Every structure is written in C-alpha cells, then in structure tokens.
Amino acid sequence: MLGFLLNEKEVKEMEYVLKKELEELSHDLEDRHIEGLIKRAMEERYQLVFRVLQRFSTPAECVKYMRQRISNHK
C-alpha cells in the first residue's frame, strides 16, 4: 500500500480529474461501436477509477458515478 499527502487544492484537483475520466469512460461505454474485450477493459478501468474516487469524494458525490452492472450471464 502506498500513501501520500495532498493539500486541499490538490484533493479538489484529483477529484476533478477522476470525475472527468469517469464521465469520458461512461460516454465511451455507451458507444454501440465498441464491443467485446475493449468494452470489458473499459468497464474494468471505470471500476478502478471509481474506487479511487471513493477515497477522495463523499458518498453522496460517488453515487452520481455508480454504474449498474450488466451481466451477460442468465
């Protein structure tokens, strides 16, 4: 495990960067031209970035970026 110290301005900047990345990934995940392995990799990246955002943001802010998991298994 790694740790680092950030001042309040750096925390806000990190939050901003993470939220922008999640917004871009969310937009790309809605693209019907992207399929299969690429979409799965993007979904994994989304989940990773979301977990990092949870360390910087309040639960109320994180709820806005939660994705519904869609399972291909029946």
PDB file of N, CA and C in Angstrom:
ATOM      1  N   MET A   1       0.834  -1.166   0.000  1.00  0.00           N
ATOM      2  CA  MET A   1       0.000   0.000   0.000  1.00  0.00           C
ATOM      3  C   MET A   1       0.881   1.232   0.000  1.00  0.00           C
ATOM      4  N   LEU A   2       0.475   2.216  -0.760  1.00  0.00           N
ATOM      5  CA  LEU A   2       1.196   3.481  -0.831  1.00  0.00           C
ATOM      6  C   LEU A   2       0.332   4.582  -0.233  1.00  0.00           C
ATOM      7  N   GLY A   3       0.955   5.600   0.247  1.00  0.00           N
ATOM      8  CA  GLY A   3       0.239   6.750   0.780  1.00  0.00           C
ATOM      9  C   GLY A   3       0.952   8.021   0.357  1.00  0.00           C
ATOM     10  N   PHE A   4       0.195   9.120   0.313  1.00  0.00           N
ATOM     11  CA  PHE A   4       0.805  10.406   0.027  1.00  0.00           C
ATOM     12  C   PHE A   4      -0.072  11.510   0.593  1.00  0.00           C
ATOM     13  N   LEU A   5       0.522  12.645   0.840  1.00  0.00           N
ATOM     14  CA  LEU A   5      -0.185  13.777   1.423  1.00  0.00           C
ATOM     15  C   LEU A   5      -0.544  14.774   0.339  1.00  0.00           C
ATOM     16  N   LEU A   6      -1.760  15.280   0.414  1.00  0.00           N
ATOM     17  CA  LEU A   6      -2.224  16.291  -0.524  1.00  0.00           C
ATOM     18  C   LEU A   6      -2.827  17.448   0.255  1.00  0.00           C
ATOM     19  N   ASN A   7      -2.627  18.657  -0.249  1.00  0.00           N
ATOM     20  CA  ASN A   7      -3.330  19.764   0.371  1.00  0.00           C
ATOM     21  C   ASN A   7      -4.742  19.842  -0.220  1.00  0.00           C
ATOM     22  N   GLU A   8      -5.578  20.701   0.316  1.00  0.00           N
ATOM     23  CA  GLU A   8      -6.990  20.775  -0.090  1.00  0.00           C
ATOM     24  C   GLU A   8      -7.138  21.073  -1.587  1.00  0.00           C
ATOM     25  N   LYS A   9      -6.314  21.934  -2.116  1.00  0.00           N
ATOM     26  CA  LYS A   9      -6.381  22.280  -3.545  1.00  0.00           C
ATOM     27  C   LYS A   9      -6.048  21.059  -4.409  1.00  0.00           C
ATOM     28  N   GLU A  10      -5.054  20.298  -4.001  1.00  0.00           N
ATOM     29  CA  GLU A  10      -4.678  19.091  -4.746  1.00  0.00           C
ATOM     30  C   GLU A  10      -5.769  18.024  -4.673  1.00  0.00           C
ATOM     31  N   VAL A  11      -6.440  17.919  -3.542  1.00  0.00           N
ATOM     32  CA  VAL A  11      -7.546  16.967  -3.410  1.00  0.00           C
ATOM     33  C   VAL A  11      -8.658  17.337  -4.379  1.00  0.00           C
ATOM     34  N   LYS A  12      -9.014  18.612  -4.440  1.00  0.00           N
ATOM     35  CA  LYS A  12     -10.066  19.066  -5.359  1.00  0.00           C
ATOM     36  C   LYS A  12      -9.665  18.808  -6.811  1.00  0.00           C
ATOM     37  N   GLU A  13      -8.405  19.021  -7.137  1.00  0.00           N
ATOM     38  CA  GLU A  13      -7.930  18.767  -8.500  1.00  0.00           C
ATOM     39  C   GLU A  13      -7.994  17.284  -8.828  1.00  0.00           C
ATOM     40  N   MET A  14      -7.623  16.441  -7.875  1.00  0.00           N
ATOM     41  CA  MET A  14      -7.675  14.993  -8.080  1.00  0.00           C
ATOM     42  C   MET A  14      -9.124  14.553  -8.282  1.00  0.00           C
ATOM     43  N   GLU A  15     -10.028  15.091  -7.477  1.00  0.00           N
ATOM     44  CA  GLU A  15     -11.453  14.789  -7.642  1.00  0.00           C
ATOM     45  C   GLU A  15     -11.925  15.164  -9.042  1.00  0.00           C
ATOM     46  N   TYR A  16     -11.545  16.350  -9.478  1.00  0.00           N
ATOM     47  CA  TYR A  16     -11.945  16.838 -10.801  1.00  0.00           C
ATOM     48  C   TYR A  16     -11.437  15.906 -11.904  1.00  0.00           C
ATOM     49  N   VAL A  17     -10.177  15.527 -11.832  1.00  0.00           N
ATOM     50  CA  VAL A  17      -9.580  14.666 -12.854  1.00  0.00           C
ATOM     51  C   VAL A  17     -10.266  13.297 -12.875  1.00  0.00           C
ATOM     52  N   LEU A  18     -10.512  12.745 -11.712  1.00  0.00           N
ATOM     53  CA  LEU A  18     -11.170  11.435 -11.636  1.00  0.00           C
ATOM     54  C   LEU A  18     -12.595  11.497 -12.186  1.00  0.00           C
ATOM     55  N   LYS A  19     -13.327  12.537 -11.843  1.00  0.00           N
ATOM     56  CA  LYS A  19     -14.703  12.681 -12.332  1.00  0.00           C
ATOM     57  C   LYS A  19     -14.729  12.849 -13.847  1.00  0.00           C
ATOM     58  N   LYS A  20     -13.814  13.623 -14.387  1.00  0.00           N
ATOM     59  CA  LYS A  20     -13.753  13.799 -15.840  1.00  0.00           C
ATOM     60  C   LYS A  20     -13.446  12.469 -16.531  1.00  0.00           C
ATOM     61  N   GLU A  21     -12.534  11.703 -15.968  1.00  0.00           N
ATOM     62  CA  GLU A  21     -12.198  10.402 -16.544  1.00  0.00           C
ATOM     63  C   GLU A  21     -13.410   9.474 -16.517  1.00  0.00           C
ATOM     64  N   LEU A  22     -14.144   9.480 -15.414  1.00  0.00           N
ATOM     65  CA  LEU A  22     -15.342   8.645 -15.315  1.00  0.00           C
ATOM     66  C   LEU A  22     -16.409   9.085 -16.315  1.00  0.00           C
ATOM     67  N   GLU A  23     -16.565  10.385 -16.504  1.00  0.00           N
ATOM     68  CA  GLU A  23     -17.534  10.891 -17.475  1.00  0.00           C
ATOM     69  C   GLU A  23     -17.163  10.462 -18.892  1.00  0.00           C
ATOM     70  N   GLU A  24     -15.888  10.556 -19.224  1.00  0.00           N
ATOM     71  CA  GLU A  24     -15.437  10.144 -20.556  1.00  0.00           C
ATOM     72  C   GLU A  24     -15.615   8.646 -20.767  1.00  0.00           C
ATOM     73  N   LEU A  25     -15.251   7.856 -19.776  1.00  0.00           N
ATOM     74  CA  LEU A  25     -15.426   6.408 -19.883  1.00  0.00           C
ATOM     75  C   LEU A  25     -16.902   6.041 -20.000  1.00  0.00           C
ATOM     76  N   SER A  26     -17.736   6.703 -19.218  1.00  0.00           N
ATOM     77  CA  SER A  26     -19.167   6.440 -19.271  1.00  0.00           C
ATOM     78  C   SER A  26     -19.720   6.735 -20.664  1.00  0.00           C
ATOM     79  N   HIS A  27     -19.293   7.846 -21.211  1.00  0.00           N
ATOM     80  CA  HIS A  27     -19.725   8.213 -22.568  1.00  0.00           C
ATOM     81  C   HIS A  27     -19.258   7.169 -23.582  1.00  0.00           C
ATOM     82  N   ASP A  28     -18.013   6.755 -23.476  1.00  0.00           N
ATOM     83  CA  ASP A  28     -17.472   5.753 -24.408  1.00  0.00           C
ATOM     84  C   ASP A  28     -18.143   4.393 -24.240  1.00  0.00           C
ATOM     85  N   LEU A  29     -18.512   4.040 -23.026  1.00  0.00           N
ATOM     86  CA  LEU A  29     -19.167   2.753 -22.788  1.00  0.00           C
ATOM     87  C   LEU A  29     -20.560   2.697 -23.422  1.00  0.00           C
ATOM     88  N   GLU A  30     -21.151   3.844 -23.669  1.00  0.00           N
ATOM     89  CA  GLU A  30     -22.464   3.893 -24.317  1.00  0.00           C
ATOM     90  C   GLU A  30     -22.360   3.763 -25.835  1.00  0.00           C
ATOM     91  N   ASP A  31     -21.162   3.874 -26.380  1.00  0.00           N
ATOM     92  CA  ASP A  31     -20.946   3.775 -27.825  1.00  0.00           C
ATOM     93  C   ASP A  31     -21.202   2.346 -28.290  1.00  0.00           C
ATOM     94  N   ARG A  32     -22.136   2.187 -29.181  1.00  0.00           N
ATOM     95  CA  ARG A  32     -22.504   0.848 -29.672  1.00  0.00           C
ATOM     96  C   ARG A  32     -21.456   0.246 -30.605  1.00  0.00           C
ATOM     97  N   HIS A  33     -20.521   1.059 -31.068  1.00  0.00           N
ATOM     98  CA  HIS A  33     -19.493   0.551 -31.975  1.00  0.00           C
ATOM     99  C   HIS A  33     -18.365  -0.149 -31.225  1.00  0.00           C
ATOM    100  N   ILE A  34     -18.278   0.093 -29.934  1.00  0.00           N
ATOM    101  CA  ILE A  34     -17.251  -0.543 -29.111  1.00  0.00           C
ATOM    102  C   ILE A  34     -17.849  -1.803 -28.512  1.00  0.00           C
ATOM    103  N   GLU A  35     -17.168  -2.929 -28.715  1.00  0.00           N
ATOM    104  CA  GLU A  35     -17.721  -4.202 -28.264  1.00  0.00           C
ATOM    105  C   GLU A  35     -16.660  -5.067 -27.593  1.00  0.00           C
ATOM    106  N   GLY A  36     -17.132  -6.134 -27.013  1.00  0.00           N
ATOM    107  CA  GLY A  36     -16.297  -7.232 -26.533  1.00  0.00           C
ATOM    108  C   GLY A  36     -15.212  -6.877 -25.553  1.00  0.00           C
ATOM    109  N   LEU A  37     -14.024  -7.318 -25.871  1.00  0.00           N
ATOM    110  CA  LEU A  37     -12.874  -7.201 -24.985  1.00  0.00           C
ATOM    111  C   LEU A  37     -12.561  -5.744 -24.652  1.00  0.00           C
ATOM    112  N   ILE A  38     -12.694  -4.868 -25.621  1.00  0.00           N
ATOM    113  CA  ILE A  38     -12.401  -3.451 -25.403  1.00  0.00           C
ATOM    114  C   ILE A  38     -13.376  -2.869 -24.383  1.00  0.00           C
ATOM    115  N   LYS A  39     -14.653  -3.172 -24.554  1.00  0.00           N
ATOM    116  CA  LYS A  39     -15.667  -2.657 -23.633  1.00  0.00           C
ATOM    117  C   LYS A  39     -15.444  -3.213 -22.226  1.00  0.00           C
ATOM    118  N   ARG A  40     -15.064  -4.481 -22.136  1.00  0.00           N
ATOM    119  CA  ARG A  40     -14.806  -5.081 -20.821  1.00  0.00           C
ATOM    120  C   ARG A  40     -13.607  -4.406 -20.149  1.00  0.00           C
ATOM    121  N   ALA A  41     -12.572  -4.115 -20.907  1.00  0.00           N
ATOM    122  CA  ALA A  41     -11.398  -3.431 -20.362  1.00  0.00           C
ATOM    123  C   ALA A  41     -11.771  -2.015 -19.890  1.00  0.00           C
ATOM    124  N   MET A  42     -12.622  -1.359 -20.657  1.00  0.00           N
ATOM    125  CA  MET A  42     -13.070  -0.018 -20.266  1.00  0.00           C
ATOM    126  C   MET A  42     -13.903  -0.080 -18.991  1.00  0.00           C
ATOM    127  N   GLU A  43     -14.737  -1.093 -18.853  1.00  0.00           N
ATOM    128  CA  GLU A  43     -15.555  -1.260 -17.650  1.00  0.00           C
ATOM    129  C   GLU A  43     -14.666  -1.522 -16.437  1.00  0.00           C
ATOM    130  N   GLU A  44     -13.617  -2.335 -16.611  1.00  0.00           N
ATOM    131  CA  GLU A  44     -12.681  -2.589 -15.518  1.00  0.00           C
ATOM    132  C   GLU A  44     -11.960  -1.307 -15.113  1.00  0.00           C
ATOM    133  N   ARG A  45     -11.574  -0.508 -16.107  1.00  0.00           N
ATOM    134  CA  ARG A  45     -10.914   0.769 -15.819  1.00  0.00           C
ATOM    135  C   ARG A  45     -11.869   1.704 -15.080  1.00  0.00           C
ATOM    136  N   TYR A  46     -13.135   1.715 -15.507  1.00  0.00           N
ATOM    137  CA  TYR A  46     -14.135   2.548 -14.850  1.00  0.00           C
ATOM    138  C   TYR A  46     -14.225   2.172 -13.368  1.00  0.00           C
ATOM    139  N   GLN A  47     -14.303   0.878 -13.087  1.00  0.00           N
ATOM    140  CA  GLN A  47     -14.422   0.421 -11.703  1.00  0.00           C
ATOM    141  C   GLN A  47     -13.184   0.801 -10.882  1.00  0.00           C
ATOM    142  N   LEU A  48     -12.011   0.703 -11.475  1.00  0.00           N
ATOM    143  CA  LEU A  48     -10.773   1.066 -10.790  1.00  0.00           C
ATOM    144  C   LEU A  48     -10.760   2.564 -10.460  1.00  0.00           C
ATOM    145  N   VAL A  49     -11.083   3.398 -11.442  1.00  0.00           N
ATOM    146  CA  VAL A  49     -11.087   4.846 -11.228  1.00  0.00           C
ATOM    147  C   VAL A  49     -12.163   5.211 -10.206  1.00  0.00           C
ATOM    148  N   PHE A  50     -13.302   4.544 -10.268  1.00  0.00           N
ATOM    149  CA  PHE A  50     -14.376   4.801  -9.313  1.00  0.00           C
ATOM    150  C   PHE A  50     -13.923   4.501  -7.889  1.00  0.00           C
ATOM    151  N   ARG A  51     -13.216   3.403  -7.705  1.00  0.00           N
ATOM    152  CA  ARG A  51     -12.723   3.063  -6.362  1.00  0.00           C
ATOM    153  C   ARG A  51     -11.742   4.122  -5.846  1.00  0.00           C
ATOM    154  N   VAL A  52     -10.941   4.679  -6.734  1.00  0.00           N
ATOM    155  CA  VAL A  52     -10.024   5.749  -6.325  1.00  0.00           C
ATOM    156  C   VAL A  52     -10.833   6.997  -5.957  1.00  0.00           C
ATOM    157  N   LEU A  53     -11.855   7.309  -6.749  1.00  0.00           N
ATOM    158  CA  LEU A  53     -12.699   8.473  -6.453  1.00  0.00           C
ATOM    159  C   LEU A  53     -13.337   8.338  -5.075  1.00  0.00           C
ATOM    160  N   GLN A  54     -13.717   7.141  -4.690  1.00  0.00           N
ATOM    161  CA  GLN A  54     -14.334   6.929  -3.391  1.00  0.00           C
ATOM    162  C   GLN A  54     -13.416   7.347  -2.247  1.00  0.00           C
ATOM    163  N   ARG A  55     -12.127   7.350  -2.477  1.00  0.00           N
ATOM    164  CA  ARG A  55     -11.174   7.755  -1.442  1.00  0.00           C
ATOM    165  C   ARG A  55     -11.079   9.278  -1.319  1.00  0.00           C
ATOM    166  N   PHE A  56     -11.542   9.997  -2.357  1.00  0.00           N
ATOM    167  CA  PHE A  56     -11.423  11.454  -2.375  1.00  0.00           C
ATOM    168  C   PHE A  56     -12.751  12.177  -2.185  1.00  0.00           C
ATOM    169  N   SER A  57     -13.845  11.549  -2.520  1.00  0.00           N
ATOM    170  CA  SER A  57     -15.148  12.215  -2.524  1.00  0.00           C
ATOM    171  C   SER A  57     -16.066  11.675  -1.439  1.00  0.00           C
ATOM    172  N   THR A  58     -17.127  12.425  -1.207  1.00  0.00           N
ATOM    173  CA  THR A  58     -18.142  11.994  -0.252  1.00  0.00           C
ATOM    174  C   THR A  58     -18.997  10.904  -0.894  1.00  0.00           C
ATOM    175  N   PRO A  59     -19.653  10.088  -0.079  1.00  0.00           N
ATOM    176  CA  PRO A  59     -20.554   9.077  -0.645  1.00  0.00           C
ATOM    177  C   PRO A  59     -21.640   9.683  -1.538  1.00  0.00           C
ATOM    178  N   ALA A  60     -22.152  10.847  -1.180  1.00  0.00           N
ATOM    179  CA  ALA A  60     -23.182  11.498  -1.994  1.00  0.00           C
ATOM    180  C   ALA A  60     -22.654  11.847  -3.385  1.00  0.00           C
ATOM    181  N   GLU A  61     -21.404  12.268  -3.474  1.00  0.00           N
ATOM    182  CA  GLU A  61     -20.804  12.569  -4.772  1.00  0.00           C
ATOM    183  C   GLU A  61     -20.558  11.294  -5.575  1.00  0.00           C
ATOM    184  N   CYS A  62     -20.138  10.247  -4.895  1.00  0.00           N
ATOM    185  CA  CYS A  62     -19.819   8.985  -5.576  1.00  0.00           C
ATOM    186  C   CYS A  62     -21.057   8.326  -6.172  1.00  0.00           C
ATOM    187  N   VAL A  63     -22.205   8.509  -5.533  1.00  0.00           N
ATOM    188  CA  VAL A  63     -23.437   7.902  -6.030  1.00  0.00           C
ATOM    189  C   VAL A  63     -23.713   8.347  -7.473  1.00  0.00           C
ATOM    190  N   LYS A  64     -23.344   9.560  -7.800  1.00  0.00           N
ATOM    191  CA  LYS A  64     -23.576  10.089  -9.156  1.00  0.00           C
ATOM    192  C   LYS A  64     -22.820   9.299 -10.223  1.00  0.00           C
ATOM    193  N   TYR A  65     -21.760   8.623  -9.821  1.00  0.00           N
ATOM    194  CA  TYR A  65     -20.902   7.922 -10.779  1.00  0.00           C
ATOM    195  C   TYR A  65     -21.023   6.403 -10.705  1.00  0.00           C
ATOM    196  N   MET A  66     -21.949   5.909  -9.894  1.00  0.00           N
ATOM    197  CA  MET A  66     -22.151   4.462  -9.806  1.00  0.00           C
ATOM    198  C   MET A  66     -22.782   3.956 -11.094  1.00  0.00           C
ATOM    199  N   ARG A  67     -22.313   2.826 -11.565  1.00  0.00           N
ATOM    200  CA  ARG A  67     -22.851   2.210 -12.781  1.00  0.00           C
ATOM    201  C   ARG A  67     -23.609   0.950 -12.399  1.00  0.00           C
ATOM    202  N   GLN A  68     -24.666   0.684 -13.134  1.00  0.00           N
ATOM    203  CA  GLN A  68     -25.382  -0.575 -12.972  1.00  0.00           C
ATOM    204  C   GLN A  68     -24.574  -1.644 -13.688  1.00  0.00           C
ATOM    205  N   ARG A  69     -24.329  -2.725 -13.006  1.00  0.00           N
ATOM    206  CA  ARG A  69     -23.608  -3.842 -13.652  1.00  0.00           C
ATOM    207  C   ARG A  69     -24.571  -4.611 -14.525  1.00  0.00           C
ATOM    208  N   ILE A  70     -24.182  -4.781 -15.751  1.00  0.00           N
ATOM    209  CA  ILE A  70     -24.988  -5.556 -16.699  1.00  0.00           C
ATOM    210  C   ILE A  70     -24.290  -6.878 -16.903  1.00  0.00           C
ATOM    211  N   SER A  71     -24.975  -7.944 -16.585  1.00  0.00           N
ATOM    212  CA  SER A  71     -24.385  -9.267 -16.690  1.00  0.00           C
ATOM    213  C   SER A  71     -24.883  -9.961 -17.946  1.00  0.00           C
ATOM    214  N   ASN A  72     -23.975 -10.625 -18.629  1.00  0.00           N
ATOM    215  CA  ASN A  72     -24.341 -11.399 -19.819  1.00  0.00           C
ATOM    216  C   ASN A  72     -24.790 -12.800 -19.431  1.00  0.00           C
ATOM    217  N   HIS A  73     -24.604 -13.161 -18.155  1.00  0.00           N
ATOM    218  CA  HIS A  73     -24.990 -14.493 -17.701  1.00  0.00           C
ATOM    219  C   HIS A  73     -26.451 -14.496 -17.281  1.00  0.00           C
ATOM    220  N   LYS A  74     -27.161 -15.580 -17.577  1.00  0.00           N
ATOM    221  CA  LYS A  74     -28.573 -15.667 -17.205  1.00  0.00           C
ATOM    222  C   LYS A  74     -28.800 -16.741 -16.196  1.00  0.00           C
TER     223      LYS A  74
END
